Amino acid sequence: MKTLHTERLTLRPATADDVEATWRFRRLESVSEWLTSAPATLDAYRAQFLDPEWLGKTLIIEHDGEVIGDLMLAVNDAWAQTEIRDQAVRVHAELGWVLDPDHTGSGYATEAVREVIRYCFEELGVRRVNAECFTANESSWRLMERVGMRRETHSVRDGLHRSGEWMDGYVYALLADEWTAAS
């Protein structure tokens, strides 16, 4: 991944130096409630963050030099029949995001996600971008809609939340030709 710039933000590859800055907001209950993984201690979080696979797909969101969030960008192969599998290599991207609650409401998440989607389609050449969330995470699915993604799936009680509750989920997606048509 490379460093990206928007009018107000810098999106750059995460480094080991970003552990404590991201832990500051990821440890908040209002944030960690929706995260796939919520380590209980800084040391456990550090071990997760510094895992090469984790670190390799994380972009840091900075505003005026301050870390205000992070993005996950995982480029994957699409499903394909065996005979044409080589045509499906690295054509799908999965996105995820976290924004410090102190910086919500200013359009930063929308700006950052739009830029990553642009990067996926225009520079990486993927054909499809998708993101998932629990249906109760309204701010996340509303962001998906703001950036032009379409709701494709509403699954019923298929995800086990750390609260012990089986929750509904949404999958949103956007195709490269839809992005181009909307641009």
Foldseek 3Di string as FASTA:
>chain_A
DAWDDDPFKIKGQDDLVCLVLACVQCQDCVFVQWDPDHDNDSVVSSVVCPPCVNSVQKIFIDGPRHGFKIKGKDFAFDDDPPVPSVVRGRQEIEMDMTGRPVPPPPCSVLRVVLRVVCCSCVPVNHFKYKYKTFVVPVVVVVSCVVSPWDWDDWAQLPDQGPVRGRTIMTMTMDGSVNVVVVD
